[in-house]
């Protein structure tokens, strides 16, 4: 038991756990909609898209949350502008801005005197540097994201399966899509301190993807996604403490490993059932 409790004996370790759990749950809830809509690539691009804003905030000394929000707004506006003003598909616009925004972020942060430390903190997070103020801000964002996600449950569910059906039901899919983008941005903004802009994607997609393998209904998918995200954060921090590895990276890695273990387990189970069915038929 000591092996599991020792990593959380000190205050900064407890704050890392709370910050990671908050980020994980928030990302897991939003991630369900990303997986259902097949928007994982967009989520990845969005995670990179906030980098210039956070970099500028670090360099010029203003709120990184404000910087990330402004960068997210530019990202969404840029995608819409390219999509509407050209014959290019949306994924092309996402790809262009994905690379462009990340490159801009690195260029901005390279002007910092502590370039290496700043870029590492932004990209990979500083789980053990989470403060009480960070937790409060993160908690407020998480409450808004989770509450909004469930208020929009029916419109988002309809949009996930058919945009045309959502329009028929009078659910305004355009507005629903825009609000989903806001939820993604808020989840990324609220998570970057604890797990970093790059590694938040592991919690944004890993737990929901695993939940999709385990659950047959959307409500159960939410439950599985949140449980897996919380377990990934806890186990990731425990392993990080004992192995001496980066906390945020270990959390994200655990989430991805769980997905592949579940996938292989599902495949083996289907193989056994198919063999039994074949044997019975013979």
C-alpha atoms as a PDB file:
ATOM      1  CA  UNK A   1       0.000   0.000   0.000  1.00  0.00           C
ATOM      2  CA  UNK A   2       2.882   2.356   0.793  1.00  0.00           C
ATOM      3  CA  UNK A   3       4.120   1.937  -2.799  1.00  0.00           C
ATOM      4  CA  UNK A   4       0.854   3.507  -4.031  1.00  0.00           C
ATOM      5  CA  UNK A   5       0.476   6.205  -1.368  1.00  0.00           C
ATOM      6  CA  UNK A   6       4.058   7.453  -1.050  1.00  0.00           C
ATOM      7  CA  UNK A   7       3.988   9.409  -4.361  1.00  0.00           C
ATOM      8  CA  UNK A   8       1.288  11.708  -2.908  1.00  0.00           C
ATOM      9  CA  UNK A   9       2.727  12.415   0.547  1.00  0.00           C
ATOM     10  CA  UNK A  10       3.775  16.009  -0.194  1.00  0.00           C
ATOM     11  CA  UNK A  11       1.668  19.033  -1.058  1.00  0.00           C
ATOM     12  CA  UNK A  12       3.024  19.575  -4.575  1.00  0.00           C
ATOM     13  CA  UNK A  13       2.444  15.880  -5.343  1.00  0.00           C
ATOM     14  CA  UNK A  14      -1.163  16.143  -4.168  1.00  0.00           C
ATOM     15  CA  UNK A  15      -1.672  19.233  -6.331  1.00  0.00           C
ATOM     16  CA  UNK A  16      -0.224  17.330  -9.290  1.00  0.00           C
ATOM     17  CA  UNK A  17      -2.781  14.579  -8.703  1.00  0.00           C
ATOM     18  CA  UNK A  18      -5.720  16.987  -8.406  1.00  0.00           C
ATOM     19  CA  UNK A  19      -4.576  18.959 -11.455  1.00  0.00           C
ATOM     20  CA  UNK A  20      -4.062  15.798 -13.471  1.00  0.00           C
ATOM     21  CA  UNK A  21      -7.450  14.360 -12.462  1.00  0.00           C
ATOM     22  CA  UNK A  22      -9.209  17.602 -13.356  1.00  0.00           C
ATOM     23  CA  UNK A  23      -7.464  17.736 -16.731  1.00  0.00           C
ATOM     24  CA  UNK A  24      -8.115  14.050 -17.355  1.00  0.00           C
ATOM     25  CA  UNK A  25     -11.824  14.178 -16.578  1.00  0.00           C
ATOM     26  CA  UNK A  26     -12.328  17.346 -18.612  1.00  0.00           C
ATOM     27  CA  UNK A  27     -10.433  15.934 -21.592  1.00  0.00           C
ATOM     28  CA  UNK A  28     -12.226  12.577 -21.297  1.00  0.00           C
ATOM     29  CA  UNK A  29     -15.676  14.188 -21.486  1.00  0.00           C
ATOM     30  CA  UNK A  30     -14.867  16.377 -24.493  1.00  0.00           C
ATOM     31  CA  UNK A  31     -12.895  13.537 -26.081  1.00  0.00           C
ATOM     32  CA  UNK A  32     -16.009  11.360 -26.295  1.00  0.00           C
ATOM     33  CA  UNK A  33     -17.531  13.826 -28.751  1.00  0.00           C
ATOM     34  CA  UNK A  34     -14.261  14.008 -30.695  1.00  0.00           C
ATOM     35  CA  UNK A  35     -14.159  10.221 -31.093  1.00  0.00           C
ATOM     36  CA  UNK A  36     -17.854   9.944 -31.956  1.00  0.00           C
ATOM     37  CA  UNK A  37     -17.516  12.626 -34.628  1.00  0.00           C
ATOM     38  CA  UNK A  38     -14.230  11.325 -36.015  1.00  0.00           C
ATOM     39  CA  UNK A  39     -12.493  14.615 -35.223  1.00  0.00           C
ATOM     40  CA  UNK A  40      -9.326  13.252 -33.624  1.00  0.00           C
ATOM     41  CA  UNK A  41      -7.084  14.932 -36.207  1.00  0.00           C
ATOM     42  CA  UNK A  42      -8.777  18.230 -35.512  1.00  0.00           C
ATOM     43  CA  UNK A  43      -8.221  17.714 -31.789  1.00  0.00           C
ATOM     44  CA  UNK A  44      -4.522  17.089 -32.403  1.00  0.00           C
ATOM     45  CA  UNK A  45      -4.257  20.229 -34.526  1.00  0.00           C
ATOM     46  CA  UNK A  46      -6.125  22.244 -31.921  1.00  0.00           C
ATOM     47  CA  UNK A  47      -3.730  21.135 -29.195  1.00  0.00           C
ATOM     48  CA  UNK A  48      -0.830  22.453 -31.279  1.00  0.00           C
ATOM     49  CA  UNK A  49      -2.788  25.546 -32.319  1.00  0.00           C
ATOM     50  CA  UNK A  50      -2.791  27.123 -28.868  1.00  0.00           C
ATOM     51  CA  UNK A  51       1.016  26.998 -28.660  1.00  0.00           C
ATOM     52  CA  UNK A  52       1.663  30.527 -30.057  1.00  0.00           C
ATOM     53  CA  UNK A  53      -0.710  32.089 -27.550  1.00  0.00           C
ATOM     54  CA  UNK A  54       0.879  30.338 -24.576  1.00  0.00           C
ATOM     55  CA  UNK A  55       4.342  31.124 -25.922  1.00  0.00           C
ATOM     56  CA  UNK A  56       3.491  34.812 -26.315  1.00  0.00           C
ATOM     57  CA  UNK A  57       2.046  34.888 -22.786  1.00  0.00           C
ATOM     58  CA  UNK A  58       5.227  33.332 -21.405  1.00  0.00           C
ATOM     59  CA  UNK A  59       7.418  35.807 -23.287  1.00  0.00           C
ATOM     60  CA  UNK A  60       5.446  38.996 -22.596  1.00  0.00           C
ATOM     61  CA  UNK A  61       4.161  38.172 -19.121  1.00  0.00           C
ATOM     62  CA  UNK A  62       0.372  37.994 -19.464  1.00  0.00           C
ATOM     63  CA  UNK A  63      -2.089  35.198 -18.641  1.00  0.00           C
ATOM     64  CA  UNK A  64      -1.328  31.978 -20.557  1.00  0.00           C
ATOM     65  CA  UNK A  65      -5.043  31.161 -20.424  1.00  0.00           C
ATOM     66  CA  UNK A  66      -5.817  34.382 -22.292  1.00  0.00           C
ATOM     67  CA  UNK A  67      -3.037  33.679 -24.786  1.00  0.00           C
ATOM     68  CA  UNK A  68      -4.296  30.140 -25.411  1.00  0.00           C
ATOM     69  CA  UNK A  69      -7.871  31.408 -25.861  1.00  0.00           C
ATOM     70  CA  UNK A  70      -6.779  34.009 -28.432  1.00  0.00           C
ATOM     71  CA  UNK A  71      -4.698  31.435 -30.324  1.00  0.00           C
ATOM     72  CA  UNK A  72      -7.636  29.010 -30.355  1.00  0.00           C
ATOM     73  CA  UNK A  73      -9.858  31.764 -31.783  1.00  0.00           C
ATOM     74  CA  UNK A  74      -7.315  32.473 -34.535  1.00  0.00           C
ATOM     75  CA  UNK A  75      -7.081  28.737 -35.280  1.00  0.00           C
ATOM     76  CA  UNK A  76     -10.839  28.311 -35.709  1.00  0.00           C
ATOM     77  CA  UNK A  77     -11.184  31.521 -37.734  1.00  0.00           C
ATOM     78  CA  UNK A  78      -8.307  30.462 -39.979  1.00  0.00           C
ATOM     79  CA  UNK A  79      -9.825  27.042 -40.674  1.00  0.00           C
ATOM     80  CA  UNK A  80     -13.184  28.584 -41.532  1.00  0.00           C
ATOM     81  CA  UNK A  81     -11.594  31.244 -43.762  1.00  0.00           C
ATOM     82  CA  UNK A  82      -9.547  28.732 -45.790  1.00  0.00           C
ATOM     83  CA  UNK A  83     -12.508  26.357 -46.076  1.00  0.00           C
ATOM     84  CA  UNK A  84     -14.914  29.081 -47.272  1.00  0.00           C
ATOM     85  CA  UNK A  85     -12.536  31.019 -49.544  1.00  0.00           C
ATOM     86  CA  UNK A  86     -11.066  28.050 -51.412  1.00  0.00           C
ATOM     87  CA  UNK A  87     -12.017  24.654 -52.779  1.00  0.00           C
ATOM     88  CA  UNK A  88      -9.730  22.966 -50.257  1.00  0.00           C
ATOM     89  CA  UNK A  89     -11.299  20.534 -47.825  1.00  0.00           C
ATOM     90  CA  UNK A  90     -11.361  21.236 -44.105  1.00  0.00           C
ATOM     91  CA  UNK A  91      -8.655  18.683 -43.303  1.00  0.00           C
ATOM     92  CA  UNK A  92      -6.230  20.553 -45.597  1.00  0.00           C
ATOM     93  CA  UNK A  93      -6.934  23.803 -43.745  1.00  0.00           C
ATOM     94  CA  UNK A  94      -6.411  22.014 -40.432  1.00  0.00           C
ATOM     95  CA  UNK A  95      -3.103  20.562 -41.624  1.00  0.00           C
ATOM     96  CA  UNK A  96      -1.823  23.950 -42.798  1.00  0.00           C
ATOM     97  CA  UNK A  97      -2.686  25.693 -39.560  1.00  0.00           C
ATOM     98  CA  UNK A  98      -1.479  22.745 -37.492  1.00  0.00           C
ATOM     99  CA  UNK A  99       2.064  23.177 -38.799  1.00  0.00           C
ATOM    100  CA  UNK A 100       1.917  26.953 -39.059  1.00  0.00           C
ATOM    101  CA  UNK A 101       0.665  27.607 -35.535  1.00  0.00           C
ATOM    102  CA  UNK A 102       3.130  25.211 -33.950  1.00  0.00           C
ATOM    103  CA  UNK A 103       6.028  26.694 -35.914  1.00  0.00           C
ATOM    104  CA  UNK A 104       4.949  30.201 -34.908  1.00  0.00           C
ATOM    105  CA  UNK A 105       4.822  29.143 -31.273  1.00  0.00           C
ATOM    106  CA  UNK A 106       8.365  27.760 -31.384  1.00  0.00           C
ATOM    107  CA  UNK A 107       9.597  30.926 -33.148  1.00  0.00           C
ATOM    108  CA  UNK A 108       8.018  33.121 -30.457  1.00  0.00           C
ATOM    109  CA  UNK A 109       9.326  31.091 -27.535  1.00  0.00           C
ATOM    110  CA  UNK A 110      12.812  30.952 -29.104  1.00  0.00           C
ATOM    111  CA  UNK A 111      13.064  34.672 -28.304  1.00  0.00           C
ATOM    112  CA  UNK A 112      12.952  33.789 -24.604  1.00  0.00           C
ATOM    113  CA  UNK A 113      16.228  33.710 -22.710  1.00  0.00           C
ATOM    114  CA  UNK A 114      15.184  30.418 -21.120  1.00  0.00           C
ATOM    115  CA  UNK A 115      14.098  28.871 -24.434  1.00  0.00           C
ATOM    116  CA  UNK A 116      14.753  25.245 -23.514  1.00  0.00           C
ATOM    117  CA  UNK A 117      12.963  25.340 -20.163  1.00  0.00           C
ATOM    118  CA  UNK A 118      10.018  27.365 -21.467  1.00  0.00           C
ATOM    119  CA  UNK A 119       9.381  25.178 -24.512  1.00  0.00           C
ATOM    120  CA  UNK A 120       9.637  22.014 -22.409  1.00  0.00           C
ATOM    121  CA  UNK A 121       7.139  23.332 -19.865  1.00  0.00           C
ATOM    122  CA  UNK A 122       4.633  24.398 -22.537  1.00  0.00           C
ATOM    123  CA  UNK A 123       4.868  21.283 -24.685  1.00  0.00           C
ATOM    124  CA  UNK A 124       5.160  18.650 -21.964  1.00  0.00           C
ATOM    125  CA  UNK A 125       3.616  20.353 -18.948  1.00  0.00           C
ATOM    126  CA  UNK A 126       4.824  20.753 -15.382  1.00  0.00           C
ATOM    127  CA  UNK A 127       2.550  18.512 -13.348  1.00  0.00           C
ATOM    128  CA  UNK A 128       4.514  19.087 -10.146  1.00  0.00           C
ATOM    129  CA  UNK A 129       4.522  22.851 -10.612  1.00  0.00           C
ATOM    130  CA  UNK A 130       0.734  23.235 -10.450  1.00  0.00           C
ATOM    131  CA  UNK A 131      -0.243  25.902  -7.906  1.00  0.00           C
ATOM    132  CA  UNK A 132      -3.389  26.424  -5.847  1.00  0.00           C
ATOM    133  CA  UNK A 133      -4.382  29.262  -8.197  1.00  0.00           C
ATOM    134  CA  UNK A 134      -3.929  26.973 -11.203  1.00  0.00           C
ATOM    135  CA  UNK A 135      -6.220  24.410  -9.579  1.00  0.00           C
ATOM    136  CA  UNK A 136      -8.944  26.991  -8.961  1.00  0.00           C
ATOM    137  CA  UNK A 137      -8.827  28.265 -12.554  1.00  0.00           C
ATOM    138  CA  UNK A 138      -8.710  24.716 -13.860  1.00  0.00           C
ATOM    139  CA  UNK A 139     -11.652  23.695 -11.672  1.00  0.00           C
ATOM    140  CA  UNK A 140     -13.801  26.560 -12.948  1.00  0.00           C
ATOM    141  CA  UNK A 141     -13.019  25.665 -16.563  1.00  0.00           C
ATOM    142  CA  UNK A 142     -13.693  21.980 -15.904  1.00  0.00           C
ATOM    143  CA  UNK A 143     -17.069  22.739 -14.323  1.00  0.00           C
ATOM    144  CA  UNK A 144     -18.078  24.883 -17.306  1.00  0.00           C
ATOM    145  CA  UNK A 145     -16.853  22.314 -19.860  1.00  0.00           C
ATOM    146  CA  UNK A 146     -18.566  19.343 -18.216  1.00  0.00           C
ATOM    147  CA  UNK A 147     -21.822  21.194 -17.536  1.00  0.00           C
ATOM    148  CA  UNK A 148     -21.985  22.581 -21.085  1.00  0.00           C
ATOM    149  CA  UNK A 149     -21.208  19.183 -22.568  1.00  0.00           C
ATOM    150  CA  UNK A 150     -24.183  17.622 -20.807  1.00  0.00           C
ATOM    151  CA  UNK A 151     -26.506  20.560 -21.507  1.00  0.00           C
ATOM    152  CA  UNK A 152     -25.680  20.084 -25.209  1.00  0.00           C
ATOM    153  CA  UNK A 153     -25.944  16.291 -24.974  1.00  0.00           C
ATOM    154  CA  UNK A 154     -28.855  15.854 -27.403  1.00  0.00           C
ATOM    155  CA  UNK A 155     -27.616  18.340 -30.073  1.00  0.00           C
ATOM    156  CA  UNK A 156     -24.083  16.919 -29.911  1.00  0.00           C
ATOM    157  CA  UNK A 157     -25.372  13.347 -30.075  1.00  0.00           C
ATOM    158  CA  UNK A 158     -27.533  14.129 -33.107  1.00  0.00           C
ATOM    159  CA  UNK A 159     -24.651  15.938 -34.807  1.00  0.00           C
ATOM    160  CA  UNK A 160     -22.307  13.001 -34.112  1.00  0.00           C
ATOM    161  CA  UNK A 161     -24.470  10.616 -36.095  1.00  0.00           C
ATOM    162  CA  UNK A 162     -25.953  12.834 -38.833  1.00  0.00           C
ATOM    163  CA  UNK A 163     -25.719  16.545 -39.537  1.00  0.00           C
ATOM    164  CA  UNK A 164     -28.761  16.297 -41.817  1.00  0.00           C
ATOM    165  CA  UNK A 165     -30.780  14.607 -39.052  1.00  0.00           C
ATOM    166  CA  UNK A 166     -29.742  17.303 -36.601  1.00  0.00           C
ATOM    167  CA  UNK A 167     -30.973  19.963 -39.044  1.00  0.00           C
ATOM    168  CA  UNK A 168     -34.260  18.093 -39.495  1.00  0.00           C
ATOM    169  CA  UNK A 169     -34.750  18.070 -35.719  1.00  0.00           C
ATOM    170  CA  UNK A 170     -34.106  21.823 -35.625  1.00  0.00           C
ATOM    171  CA  UNK A 171     -30.963  21.544 -33.512  1.00  0.00           C
ATOM    172  CA  UNK A 172     -28.814  24.088 -35.399  1.00  0.00           C
ATOM    173  CA  UNK A 173     -25.775  21.874 -36.106  1.00  0.00           C
ATOM    174  CA  UNK A 174     -23.617  24.862 -37.140  1.00  0.00           C
ATOM    175  CA  UNK A 175     -23.979  26.445 -33.709  1.00  0.00           C
ATOM    176  CA  UNK A 176     -23.535  23.078 -32.005  1.00  0.00           C
ATOM    177  CA  UNK A 177     -20.290  22.486 -33.922  1.00  0.00           C
ATOM    178  CA  UNK A 178     -19.021  25.939 -32.951  1.00  0.00           C
ATOM    179  CA  UNK A 179     -19.806  25.287 -29.290  1.00  0.00           C
ATOM    180  CA  UNK A 180     -17.982  21.948 -29.496  1.00  0.00           C
ATOM    181  CA  UNK A 181     -14.897  23.812 -30.735  1.00  0.00           C
ATOM    182  CA  UNK A 182     -15.185  26.100 -27.717  1.00  0.00           C
ATOM    183  CA  UNK A 183     -15.361  23.048 -25.428  1.00  0.00           C
ATOM    184  CA  UNK A 184     -12.239  21.568 -27.057  1.00  0.00           C
ATOM    185  CA  UNK A 185     -10.401  24.864 -26.634  1.00  0.00           C
ATOM    186  CA  UNK A 186     -11.438  25.141 -22.988  1.00  0.00           C
ATOM    187  CA  UNK A 187     -10.335  21.561 -22.281  1.00  0.00           C
ATOM    188  CA  UNK A 188      -6.931  22.176 -23.854  1.00  0.00           C
ATOM    189  CA  UNK A 189      -6.509  25.524 -22.093  1.00  0.00           C
ATOM    190  CA  UNK A 190      -7.455  23.996 -18.756  1.00  0.00           C
ATOM    191  CA  UNK A 191      -5.090  21.046 -19.165  1.00  0.00           C
ATOM    192  CA  UNK A 192      -1.833  22.410 -20.565  1.00  0.00           C
ATOM    193  CA  UNK A 193      -0.358  23.337 -17.167  1.00  0.00           C
ATOM    194  CA  UNK A 194      -0.809  19.818 -15.794  1.00  0.00           C
ATOM    195  CA  UNK A 195      -0.041  17.705 -18.866  1.00  0.00           C
ATOM    196  CA  UNK A 196       1.312  20.056 -21.556  1.00  0.00           C
ATOM    197  CA  UNK A 197      -0.097  21.014 -24.941  1.00  0.00           C
ATOM    198  CA  UNK A 198       1.308  17.959 -26.740  1.00  0.00           C
ATOM    199  CA  UNK A 199       0.484  15.345 -24.137  1.00  0.00           C
ATOM    200  CA  UNK A 200      -3.070  16.537 -23.446  1.00  0.00           C
ATOM    201  CA  UNK A 201      -3.964  14.833 -26.725  1.00  0.00           C
ATOM    202  CA  UNK A 202      -3.239  11.471 -25.086  1.00  0.00           C
ATOM    203  CA  UNK A 203      -5.966  12.125 -22.495  1.00  0.00           C
ATOM    204  CA  UNK A 204      -8.249  13.740 -25.060  1.00  0.00           C
ATOM    205  CA  UNK A 205      -8.337  10.664 -27.308  1.00  0.00           C
ATOM    206  CA  UNK A 206      -6.907   7.678 -25.386  1.00  0.00           C
ATOM    207  CA  UNK A 207      -9.636   7.170 -22.728  1.00  0.00           C
ATOM    208  CA  UNK A 208     -12.591   7.874 -25.090  1.00  0.00           C
ATOM    209  CA  UNK A 209     -11.153   5.538 -27.737  1.00  0.00           C
ATOM    210  CA  UNK A 210     -10.795   2.789 -25.119  1.00  0.00           C
ATOM    211  CA  UNK A 211     -14.319   3.515 -23.875  1.00  0.00           C
ATOM    212  CA  UNK A 212     -15.611   3.044 -27.431  1.00  0.00           C
ATOM    213  CA  UNK A 213     -14.265  -0.525 -27.334  1.00  0.00           C
ATOM    214  CA  UNK A 214     -15.945  -1.283 -24.013  1.00  0.00           C
ATOM    215  CA  UNK A 215     -19.288   0.540 -24.108  1.00  0.00           C
ATOM    216  CA  UNK A 216     -22.337  -0.043 -26.269  1.00  0.00           C
ATOM    217  CA  UNK A 217     -24.115   3.188 -25.353  1.00  0.00           C
ATOM    218  CA  UNK A 218     -22.943   6.790 -25.247  1.00  0.00           C
ATOM    219  CA  UNK A 219     -23.699   7.320 -21.519  1.00  0.00           C
ATOM    220  CA  UNK A 220     -21.619   4.258 -20.647  1.00  0.00           C
ATOM    221  CA  UNK A 221     -18.903   5.552 -22.956  1.00  0.00           C
ATOM    222  CA  UNK A 222     -18.728   8.716 -20.842  1.00  0.00           C
ATOM    223  CA  UNK A 223     -18.456   6.677 -17.648  1.00  0.00           C
ATOM    224  CA  UNK A 224     -15.702   4.427 -18.998  1.00  0.00           C
ATOM    225  CA  UNK A 225     -13.826   7.394 -20.488  1.00  0.00           C
ATOM    226  CA  UNK A 226     -13.767   9.313 -17.197  1.00  0.00           C
ATOM    227  CA  UNK A 227     -12.773   6.241 -15.163  1.00  0.00           C
ATOM    228  CA  UNK A 228      -9.951   5.356 -17.551  1.00  0.00           C
ATOM    229  CA  UNK A 229      -8.685   8.947 -17.616  1.00  0.00           C
ATOM    230  CA  UNK A 230      -8.675   9.156 -13.806  1.00  0.00           C
ATOM    231  CA  UNK A 231      -6.887   5.799 -13.512  1.00  0.00           C
ATOM    232  CA  UNK A 232      -4.329   6.857 -16.147  1.00  0.00           C
ATOM    233  CA  UNK A 233      -3.518  10.028 -14.219  1.00  0.00           C
ATOM    234  CA  UNK A 234      -3.181   8.244 -10.888  1.00  0.00           C
ATOM    235  CA  UNK A 235      -1.124   5.329 -12.199  1.00  0.00           C
ATOM    236  CA  UNK A 236       0.961   7.646 -14.371  1.00  0.00           C
ATOM    237  CA  UNK A 237       1.978   9.729 -11.359  1.00  0.00           C
ATOM    238  CA  UNK A 238       2.708   6.633  -9.274  1.00  0.00           C
ATOM    239  CA  UNK A 239       4.931   5.159 -11.987  1.00  0.00           C
ATOM    240  CA  UNK A 240       6.552   8.534 -12.597  1.00  0.00           C
ATOM    241  CA  UNK A 241       7.523   8.766  -8.928  1.00  0.00           C
ATOM    242  CA  UNK A 242       9.040   5.279  -8.718  1.00  0.00           C
ATOM    243  CA  UNK A 243      10.661   5.225 -12.156  1.00  0.00           C
ATOM    244  CA  UNK A 244      11.887   8.831 -12.160  1.00  0.00           C
ATOM    245  CA  UNK A 245      10.112   9.666 -15.434  1.00  0.00           C
ATOM    246  CA  UNK A 246       8.260  12.806 -16.578  1.00  0.00           C
ATOM    247  CA  UNK A 247       4.855  12.926 -14.874  1.00  0.00           C
ATOM    248  CA  UNK A 248       2.770  14.309 -17.748  1.00  0.00           C
ATOM    249  CA  UNK A 249       4.306  11.999 -20.342  1.00  0.00           C
ATOM    250  CA  UNK A 250       3.804   8.944 -18.122  1.00  0.00           C
ATOM    251  CA  UNK A 251       0.127   9.827 -17.608  1.00  0.00           C
ATOM    252  CA  UNK A 252      -0.451  10.136 -21.353  1.00  0.00           C
ATOM    253  CA  UNK A 253       1.502   6.948 -22.053  1.00  0.00           C
ATOM    254  CA  UNK A 254      -0.565   4.944 -19.571  1.00  0.00           C
ATOM    255  CA  UNK A 255      -3.776   6.085 -21.328  1.00  0.00           C
ATOM    256  CA  UNK A 256      -2.463   4.895 -24.701  1.00  0.00           C
ATOM    257  CA  UNK A 257      -1.150   1.595 -23.306  1.00  0.00           C
ATOM    258  CA  UNK A 258      -4.577   0.901 -21.784  1.00  0.00           C
ATOM    259  CA  UNK A 259      -6.136   1.400 -25.215  1.00  0.00           C
ATOM    260  CA  UNK A 260      -3.855  -1.148 -26.882  1.00  0.00           C
ATOM    261  CA  UNK A 261      -4.243  -3.653 -24.045  1.00  0.00           C
ATOM    262  CA  UNK A 262      -8.024  -3.343 -24.365  1.00  0.00           C
ATOM    263  CA  UNK A 263      -7.860  -3.608 -28.154  1.00  0.00           C
ATOM    264  CA  UNK A 264      -5.751  -6.775 -28.013  1.00  0.00           C
ATOM    265  CA  UNK A 265      -8.010  -8.200 -25.309  1.00  0.00           C
ATOM    266  CA  UNK A 266     -11.098  -7.537 -27.450  1.00  0.00           C
ATOM    267  CA  UNK A 267      -9.447  -9.172 -30.446  1.00  0.00           C
ATOM    268  CA  UNK A 268      -8.489 -12.269 -28.446  1.00  0.00           C
ATOM    269  CA  UNK A 269     -12.009 -12.519 -27.010  1.00  0.00           C
ATOM    270  CA  UNK A 270     -13.582 -12.337 -30.494  1.00  0.00           C
ATOM    271  CA  UNK A 271     -11.146 -14.969 -31.762  1.00  0.00           C
ATOM    272  CA  UNK A 272     -12.077 -17.360 -28.938  1.00  0.00           C
ATOM    273  CA  UNK A 273     -15.807 -16.817 -29.492  1.00  0.00           C
ATOM    274  CA  UNK A 274     -15.462 -17.341 -33.242  1.00  0.00           C
ATOM    275  CA  UNK A 275     -13.570 -20.587 -32.706  1.00  0.00           C
ATOM    276  CA  UNK A 276     -16.193 -21.817 -30.270  1.00  0.00           C
ATOM    277  CA  UNK A 277     -18.953 -20.896 -32.712  1.00  0.00           C
ATOM    278  CA  UNK A 278     -17.139 -22.714 -35.521  1.00  0.00           C
ATOM    279  CA  UNK A 279     -16.640 -25.779 -33.338  1.00  0.00           C
ATOM    280  CA  UNK A 280     -20.305 -25.823 -32.300  1.00  0.00           C
ATOM    281  CA  UNK A 281     -21.470 -25.502 -35.908  1.00  0.00           C
ATOM    282  CA  UNK A 282     -19.225 -28.398 -36.963  1.00  0.00           C
END
